[in-house]
Amino acid sequence: MRLITELCEERGLAAIINIHDVLLAQMFSKRVVGLQLGEIVYDGAPEGLGEEVLTRIYGEEDWSATIGQMDDASDAGETDGPSRSEPQHGPHMPSRAEDVVSGL
């Protein structure tokens, strides 16, 4: 994700990424389009991915861990993504077929 972001910034390009990792989408994108059964249910800033929006996209789940990780990353100043030596993976990857599409 970092490489894609850097290439887009250097070359003035846009990228459309289909990603289910909500934290990575928030950390690396400037715009998120959330789909539920093929229909857009969210189109906005990654900071707007709160519990209500995530529930509209993915359905009822406990989003507290995901929201907490997003808040922790923001508080720590991690705005340019995780370091290469510390990849971020965790329970914030819903298993449904609905998508979070991240526009860089």
Protein backbone atom coordinates (compact mmCIF):
# COMPACT_ATOMS: atom_id res chain seq x y z
CA MET A 1 0.00 0.00 0.00
CA ARG A 2 2.82 2.39 0.79
CA LEU A 3 4.43 1.77 -2.61
CA ILE A 4 1.16 2.32 -4.46
CA THR A 5 0.59 5.55 -2.52
CA GLU A 6 4.09 6.81 -3.26
CA LEU A 7 3.84 5.99 -6.98
CA CYS A 8 0.48 7.74 -7.27
CA GLU A 9 1.79 10.85 -5.52
CA GLU A 10 5.01 10.97 -7.57
CA ARG A 11 3.28 10.46 -10.92
CA GLY A 12 0.01 12.27 -10.29
CA LEU A 13 -2.00 9.07 -10.70
CA ALA A 14 -5.11 7.72 -9.07
CA ALA A 15 -5.56 4.13 -7.91
CA ILE A 16 -8.64 2.12 -7.09
CA ILE A 17 -7.93 -0.57 -4.51
CA ASN A 18 -10.38 -3.28 -3.44
CA ILE A 19 -9.45 -3.94 0.17
CA HIS A 20 -11.24 -5.50 3.12
CA ASP A 21 -8.72 -4.35 5.73
CA VAL A 22 -10.48 -1.32 7.19
CA LEU A 23 -7.43 -0.06 9.10
CA LEU A 24 -5.21 -0.12 6.00
CA ALA A 25 -7.91 1.62 3.98
CA GLN A 26 -8.10 4.35 6.59
CA MET A 27 -4.33 4.70 6.92
CA PHE A 28 -3.49 4.95 3.22
CA SER A 29 -6.47 6.37 1.37
CA LYS A 30 -7.92 9.82 0.93
CA ARG A 31 -11.36 8.53 -0.07
CA VAL A 32 -13.29 5.37 0.74
CA VAL A 33 -16.25 4.01 -1.19
CA GLY A 34 -18.08 1.29 0.74
CA LEU A 35 -20.30 -1.14 -1.14
CA GLN A 36 -22.97 -3.42 0.25
CA LEU A 37 -24.46 -5.91 -2.21
CA GLY A 38 -23.12 -3.82 -5.11
CA GLU A 39 -24.63 -0.52 -3.97
CA ILE A 40 -22.69 2.44 -2.60
CA VAL A 41 -23.53 2.92 1.06
CA TYR A 42 -20.59 5.19 1.96
CA ASP A 43 -18.48 7.60 -0.06
CA GLY A 44 -16.26 9.83 1.98
CA ALA A 45 -13.17 10.37 4.05
CA PRO A 46 -11.54 7.38 5.76
CA GLU A 47 -11.98 9.14 9.11
CA GLY A 48 -15.73 8.68 8.66
CA LEU A 49 -15.49 4.90 8.94
CA GLY A 50 -17.19 4.68 12.30
CA GLU A 51 -19.30 1.90 13.76
CA GLU A 52 -22.49 3.00 11.99
CA VAL A 53 -20.84 3.14 8.55
CA LEU A 54 -19.01 -0.17 9.00
CA THR A 55 -22.28 -1.82 10.06
CA ARG A 56 -23.99 -0.49 6.91
CA ILE A 57 -21.20 -1.94 4.77
CA TYR A 58 -20.55 -5.27 6.50
CA GLY A 59 -23.52 -5.89 8.77
CA GLU A 60 -23.72 -6.33 12.51
CA GLU A 61 -20.32 -7.05 14.02
CA ASP A 62 -18.38 -5.85 17.05
CA TRP A 63 -16.42 -2.93 15.58
CA SER A 64 -14.89 -1.80 18.88
CA ALA A 65 -11.50 -3.40 18.15
CA THR A 66 -11.36 -1.87 14.68
CA ILE A 67 -12.44 1.57 15.87
CA GLY A 68 -9.96 1.35 18.75
CA GLN A 69 -7.10 0.48 16.38
CA MET A 70 -8.04 3.38 14.10
CA ASP A 71 -8.10 5.76 17.05
CA ASP A 72 -4.79 4.41 18.39
CA ALA A 73 -3.12 4.88 14.99
CA SER A 74 -4.44 8.45 14.78
CA ASP A 75 -3.30 9.25 18.31
CA ALA A 76 0.17 7.84 17.60
CA GLY A 77 0.49 10.03 14.50
CA GLU A 78 0.59 7.06 12.12
CA THR A 79 -0.84 8.90 9.17
CA ASP A 80 1.50 7.52 6.54
CA GLY A 81 0.80 3.86 7.26
CA PRO A 82 2.57 1.12 9.15
CA SER A 83 6.32 0.74 9.02
CA ARG A 84 7.61 -1.92 6.64
CA SER A 85 9.01 -3.91 9.57
CA GLU A 86 5.69 -3.94 11.40
CA PRO A 87 2.84 -4.97 9.06
CA GLN A 88 -0.59 -4.33 10.52
CA HIS A 89 -3.03 -7.23 10.33
CA GLY A 90 -5.74 -8.17 12.72
CA PRO A 91 -9.38 -8.79 13.51
CA HIS A 92 -10.55 -5.83 11.41
CA MET A 93 -10.84 -7.88 8.20
CA PRO A 94 -14.52 -8.77 7.72
CA SER A 95 -15.18 -12.11 6.08
CA ARG A 96 -18.14 -11.03 3.99
CA ALA A 97 -18.04 -10.42 0.23
CA GLU A 98 -18.92 -6.71 0.56
CA ASP A 99 -16.11 -4.35 -0.28
CA VAL A 100 -14.34 -1.30 0.96
CA VAL A 101 -12.88 0.33 -2.11
CA SER A 102 -10.15 2.77 -1.33
CA GLY A 103 -9.31 5.58 -3.73
CA LEU A 104 -5.78 6.85 -3.21
